[in-house]
Amino acid sequence: QALALQGYISLKAYRLTPAALENLKNEEYFSPDK
């Protein structure tokens, strides 16, 4: 699951701004609904 999560983060990162990347630290960001 770790690899899958990393891939998910990578895909999201491409579409995020540097400021938005800070939100990656928030567990809520990883909610399946998002």
N, C-alpha and C. Protein backbone atom coordinates (compact mmCIF):
# COMPACT_ATOMS: atom_id res chain seq x y z
N GLN A 1 0.84 -1.21 0.00
CA GLN A 1 0.00 0.00 0.00
C GLN A 1 0.87 1.25 0.00
N ALA A 2 2.06 1.14 0.58
CA ALA A 2 2.95 2.30 0.65
C ALA A 2 3.27 2.80 -0.75
N LEU A 3 3.58 1.88 -1.66
CA LEU A 3 3.91 2.28 -3.03
C LEU A 3 2.72 2.92 -3.71
N ALA A 4 1.55 2.35 -3.48
CA ALA A 4 0.34 2.89 -4.10
C ALA A 4 0.09 4.30 -3.59
N LEU A 5 0.30 4.50 -2.30
CA LEU A 5 0.08 5.82 -1.71
C LEU A 5 1.08 6.81 -2.27
N GLN A 6 2.33 6.37 -2.42
CA GLN A 6 3.36 7.25 -2.98
C GLN A 6 2.99 7.67 -4.39
N GLY A 7 2.50 6.72 -5.17
CA GLY A 7 2.11 7.03 -6.54
C GLY A 7 0.96 8.02 -6.56
N TYR A 8 0.03 7.84 -5.64
CA TYR A 8 -1.13 8.74 -5.55
C TYR A 8 -0.65 10.15 -5.22
N ILE A 9 0.28 10.24 -4.29
CA ILE A 9 0.83 11.55 -3.90
C ILE A 9 1.54 12.19 -5.09
N SER A 10 2.31 11.38 -5.82
CA SER A 10 3.06 11.90 -6.97
C SER A 10 2.11 12.48 -8.01
N LEU A 11 1.04 11.75 -8.31
CA LEU A 11 0.08 12.23 -9.31
C LEU A 11 -0.55 13.53 -8.85
N LYS A 12 -0.88 13.60 -7.57
CA LYS A 12 -1.49 14.81 -7.04
C LYS A 12 -0.49 15.96 -7.05
N ALA A 13 0.75 15.65 -6.71
CA ALA A 13 1.78 16.69 -6.60
C ALA A 13 1.95 17.46 -7.90
N TYR A 14 1.82 16.75 -9.03
CA TYR A 14 1.98 17.42 -10.32
C TYR A 14 0.96 18.53 -10.52
N ARG A 15 -0.17 18.41 -9.83
CA ARG A 15 -1.25 19.37 -10.04
C ARG A 15 -1.39 20.33 -8.87
N LEU A 16 -0.44 20.23 -7.93
CA LEU A 16 -0.52 21.10 -6.75
C LEU A 16 0.52 22.21 -6.80
N THR A 17 0.20 23.30 -6.17
CA THR A 17 1.17 24.40 -6.07
C THR A 17 2.03 24.14 -4.84
N PRO A 18 3.20 24.77 -4.75
CA PRO A 18 4.07 24.57 -3.58
C PRO A 18 3.32 24.78 -2.27
N ALA A 19 2.44 25.75 -2.23
CA ALA A 19 1.67 26.01 -1.01
C ALA A 19 0.74 24.84 -0.71
N ALA A 20 0.13 24.30 -1.75
CA ALA A 20 -0.80 23.18 -1.57
C ALA A 20 -0.06 21.94 -1.10
N LEU A 21 1.20 21.80 -1.48
CA LEU A 21 1.98 20.64 -1.07
C LEU A 21 2.05 20.54 0.45
N GLU A 22 1.97 21.68 1.12
CA GLU A 22 2.01 21.68 2.59
C GLU A 22 0.83 20.88 3.14
N ASN A 23 -0.27 20.86 2.40
CA ASN A 23 -1.46 20.14 2.85
C ASN A 23 -1.25 18.63 2.85
N LEU A 24 -0.21 18.17 2.14
CA LEU A 24 0.07 16.73 2.10
C LEU A 24 0.36 16.21 3.50
N LYS A 25 0.80 17.11 4.37
CA LYS A 25 1.13 16.70 5.73
C LYS A 25 -0.13 16.44 6.55
N ASN A 26 -1.27 16.90 6.05
CA ASN A 26 -2.53 16.75 6.77
C ASN A 26 -3.15 15.39 6.43
N GLU A 27 -3.40 14.56 7.43
CA GLU A 27 -3.95 13.23 7.19
C GLU A 27 -5.27 13.30 6.44
N GLU A 28 -6.06 14.34 6.69
CA GLU A 28 -7.36 14.46 6.04
C GLU A 28 -7.21 14.54 4.53
N TYR A 29 -6.05 15.03 4.08
CA TYR A 29 -5.82 15.17 2.64
C TYR A 29 -5.88 13.81 1.96
N PHE A 30 -5.51 12.76 2.71
CA PHE A 30 -5.46 11.42 2.13
C PHE A 30 -6.80 10.70 2.20
N SER A 31 -7.85 11.45 2.50
CA SER A 31 -9.17 10.85 2.58
C SER A 31 -9.56 10.25 1.23
N PRO A 32 -10.04 9.00 1.18
CA PRO A 32 -10.44 8.35 -0.08
C PRO A 32 -11.44 9.18 -0.87
N ASP A 33 -12.24 9.97 -0.18
CA ASP A 33 -13.24 10.79 -0.86
C ASP A 33 -12.57 11.84 -1.74
N LYS A 34 -11.32 12.16 -1.43
CA LYS A 34 -10.60 13.16 -2.22
C LYS A 34 -9.74 12.45 -3.24
